[in-house]
Amino acid sequence: MSTNGDLDLEPTGEPERDACILRAVLLGGGLDGSRWWTARELRAHMGPAWSERRIRHAASASEGCVVSGPGSAGYCAVERATREELREMLARLAHQADRMETRRTEMAAAWNSCHREPLDAEGRAFDLRSMVGTLFPTAAERAELARLAEQAAAREVRHDY
């Protein structure tokens, strides 16, 4: 069992408990007194059982108490982060979420353009005909949707290998 003073650093396999352990280490400060720890520093300090993946999972399970993300200096307890560091991380995460949402909807659209069973943005199949009258209140819009549904149903899937 790996310990640091009275703190048991052995990962538990329970993300919430691992998050508490990670946060306690981060609150103590970096090896050089800095507020930020790299994954490599955390592994060296906490032991080989703390893989980078386990550290990421613990940070994710911390309910926002561990600051980390794309382009960050590593991991930091939210109490030790500056306002500017947190503001910058939140902006980066929002940008990443926007890019992921765009990719998700593009994939669904690409699938729909070449397959007979359309998917919504969450990847669930749906029948365009069942939507008539629910989302498009005018007769012209319902007619256009019905025409598009018929086109999709008639489309053949061709694979040129």
Protein backbone atom coordinates (compact mmCIF):
# COMPACT_ATOMS: atom_id res chain seq x y z
CA MET A 1 0.00 0.00 0.00
CA SER A 2 1.43 3.34 -1.08
CA THR A 3 1.23 6.12 1.48
CA ASN A 4 2.24 9.74 1.79
CA GLY A 5 2.28 10.54 5.50
CA ASP A 6 -1.19 9.60 6.73
CA LEU A 7 -2.77 9.75 3.27
CA ASP A 8 -3.38 6.37 1.60
CA LEU A 9 -2.62 6.95 -2.08
CA GLU A 10 -3.63 3.50 -3.35
CA PRO A 11 -6.31 3.92 -6.04
CA THR A 12 -9.59 2.34 -5.01
CA GLY A 13 -11.21 1.70 -8.37
CA GLU A 14 -14.10 3.86 -7.17
CA PRO A 15 -13.91 7.06 -9.23
CA GLU A 16 -15.46 9.30 -6.54
CA ARG A 17 -13.05 8.05 -3.87
CA ASP A 18 -10.10 8.29 -6.26
CA ALA A 19 -11.22 11.88 -6.96
CA CYS A 20 -10.98 12.67 -3.24
CA ILE A 21 -7.46 11.22 -3.07
CA LEU A 22 -6.36 13.17 -6.15
CA ARG A 23 -7.85 16.38 -4.81
CA ALA A 24 -6.10 15.95 -1.45
CA VAL A 25 -2.75 15.59 -3.21
CA LEU A 26 -3.44 18.62 -5.42
CA LEU A 27 -4.41 20.75 -2.42
CA GLY A 28 -0.99 19.97 -0.95
CA GLY A 29 0.77 21.69 -3.84
CA GLY A 30 3.19 20.47 -6.49
CA LEU A 31 6.58 18.99 -5.82
CA ASP A 32 8.18 22.39 -6.31
CA GLY A 33 5.40 24.25 -4.49
CA SER A 34 3.54 25.00 -7.70
CA ARG A 35 -0.22 24.78 -7.94
CA TRP A 36 -0.23 22.59 -11.08
CA TRP A 37 0.88 18.96 -11.34
CA THR A 38 1.56 17.13 -14.59
CA ALA A 39 0.30 13.56 -14.97
CA ARG A 40 3.93 12.39 -14.86
CA GLU A 41 4.53 14.19 -11.56
CA LEU A 42 1.34 12.74 -10.09
CA ARG A 43 2.31 9.20 -11.15
CA ALA A 44 5.78 9.61 -9.65
CA HIS A 45 4.31 10.93 -6.40
CA MET A 46 1.28 8.64 -6.10
CA GLY A 47 2.70 5.41 -7.45
CA PRO A 48 2.52 3.31 -10.63
CA ALA A 49 -1.07 2.18 -9.96
CA TRP A 50 -2.11 5.73 -10.86
CA SER A 51 -2.04 5.55 -14.66
CA GLU A 52 -2.75 8.65 -16.71
CA ARG A 53 -6.14 7.16 -17.51
CA ARG A 54 -6.96 6.65 -13.80
CA ILE A 55 -5.89 10.23 -13.09
CA ARG A 56 -8.16 11.53 -15.88
CA HIS A 57 -11.08 9.44 -14.58
CA ALA A 58 -10.52 10.69 -11.03
CA ALA A 59 -10.36 14.30 -12.27
CA SER A 60 -13.57 13.75 -14.23
CA ALA A 61 -15.31 12.28 -11.17
CA SER A 62 -14.26 15.23 -8.98
CA GLU A 63 -17.47 17.18 -9.69
CA GLY A 64 -15.41 20.12 -10.92
CA CYS A 65 -13.01 20.20 -7.97
CA VAL A 66 -10.03 19.23 -10.16
CA VAL A 67 -9.22 21.67 -12.97
CA SER A 68 -7.81 20.05 -16.12
CA GLY A 69 -8.47 19.91 -19.80
CA PRO A 70 -7.09 20.58 -23.26
CA GLY A 71 -4.05 22.83 -23.25
CA SER A 72 -3.78 22.99 -19.46
CA ALA A 73 -0.56 22.79 -17.49
CA GLY A 74 -1.81 19.57 -15.92
CA TYR A 75 -4.06 19.20 -12.88
CA CYS A 76 -4.90 21.72 -10.17
CA ALA A 77 -7.34 21.82 -7.26
CA VAL A 78 -10.08 24.33 -8.09
CA GLU A 79 -9.34 26.16 -4.82
CA ARG A 80 -5.75 26.79 -5.96
CA ALA A 81 -6.57 27.88 -9.54
CA THR A 82 -6.67 31.56 -10.35
CA ARG A 83 -9.80 33.16 -11.75
CA GLU A 84 -8.05 33.62 -15.11
CA GLU A 85 -6.89 29.97 -15.24
CA LEU A 86 -10.41 28.76 -14.56
CA ARG A 87 -11.95 31.20 -17.05
CA GLU A 88 -9.48 30.05 -19.72
CA MET A 89 -10.13 26.35 -19.02
CA LEU A 90 -13.91 26.82 -19.15
CA ALA A 91 -13.57 28.58 -22.51
CA ARG A 92 -11.38 25.78 -23.89
CA LEU A 93 -13.82 23.11 -22.71
CA ALA A 94 -16.76 25.00 -24.22
CA HIS A 95 -14.90 25.26 -27.53
CA GLN A 96 -14.08 21.54 -27.44
CA ALA A 97 -17.73 20.70 -26.67
CA ASP A 98 -18.87 22.84 -29.63
CA ARG A 99 -16.44 21.05 -31.95
CA MET A 100 -17.60 17.65 -30.69
CA GLU A 101 -21.26 18.60 -31.18
CA THR A 102 -20.52 19.73 -34.74
CA ARG A 103 -18.71 16.46 -35.47
CA ARG A 104 -21.57 14.43 -33.98
CA THR A 105 -24.21 16.11 -36.13
CA GLU A 106 -21.97 15.92 -39.22
CA MET A 107 -21.57 12.16 -38.74
CA ALA A 108 -25.34 11.69 -38.44
CA ALA A 109 -25.86 13.80 -41.57
CA ALA A 110 -23.21 11.83 -43.48
CA TRP A 111 -24.89 8.57 -42.46
CA ASN A 112 -28.27 9.89 -43.55
CA SER A 113 -26.92 10.92 -46.95
CA CYS A 114 -25.82 7.39 -47.82
CA HIS A 115 -28.15 5.03 -45.90
CA ARG A 116 -31.83 4.25 -46.05
CA GLU A 117 -32.40 4.27 -42.27
CA PRO A 118 -31.92 7.89 -41.12
CA LEU A 119 -30.43 8.62 -37.71
CA ASP A 120 -30.95 11.60 -35.46
CA ALA A 121 -27.95 13.42 -33.95
CA GLU A 122 -27.89 10.96 -31.03
CA GLY A 123 -27.55 7.99 -33.38
CA ARG A 124 -31.13 6.73 -32.96
CA ALA A 125 -33.07 5.61 -36.01
CA PHE A 126 -36.19 7.58 -36.83
CA ASP A 127 -38.85 7.48 -39.48
CA LEU A 128 -39.24 10.83 -41.20
CA ARG A 129 -42.88 10.01 -41.99
CA SER A 130 -43.68 9.79 -38.28
CA MET A 131 -42.57 13.40 -37.84
CA VAL A 132 -45.09 14.83 -40.29
CA GLY A 133 -47.46 17.12 -38.44
CA THR A 134 -45.38 17.28 -35.27
CA LEU A 135 -42.53 19.62 -36.15
CA PHE A 136 -43.78 21.20 -39.37
CA PRO A 137 -47.18 22.84 -38.88
CA THR A 138 -47.88 24.13 -42.38
CA ALA A 139 -49.28 21.97 -45.17
CA ALA A 140 -46.45 23.01 -47.51
CA GLU A 141 -43.81 21.96 -44.98
CA ARG A 142 -45.59 18.64 -44.33
CA ALA A 143 -45.74 17.96 -48.10
CA GLU A 144 -42.02 18.76 -48.51
CA LEU A 145 -41.07 16.49 -45.61
CA ALA A 146 -43.19 13.66 -47.02
CA ARG A 147 -41.48 14.12 -50.42
CA LEU A 148 -38.03 13.97 -48.78
CA ALA A 149 -39.01 10.87 -46.79
CA GLU A 150 -40.10 9.12 -49.97
CA GLN A 151 -36.81 10.03 -51.66
CA ALA A 152 -34.84 8.64 -48.70
CA ALA A 153 -36.86 5.41 -48.74
CA ALA A 154 -36.28 4.96 -52.48
CA ARG A 155 -32.54 5.61 -52.28
CA GLU A 156 -30.34 2.57 -52.84
CA VAL A 157 -27.19 2.04 -50.85
CA ARG A 158 -24.34 1.38 -53.25
CA HIS A 159 -20.87 0.37 -52.23
CA ASP A 160 -18.21 0.48 -54.90
CA TYR A 161 -15.37 -1.66 -53.62
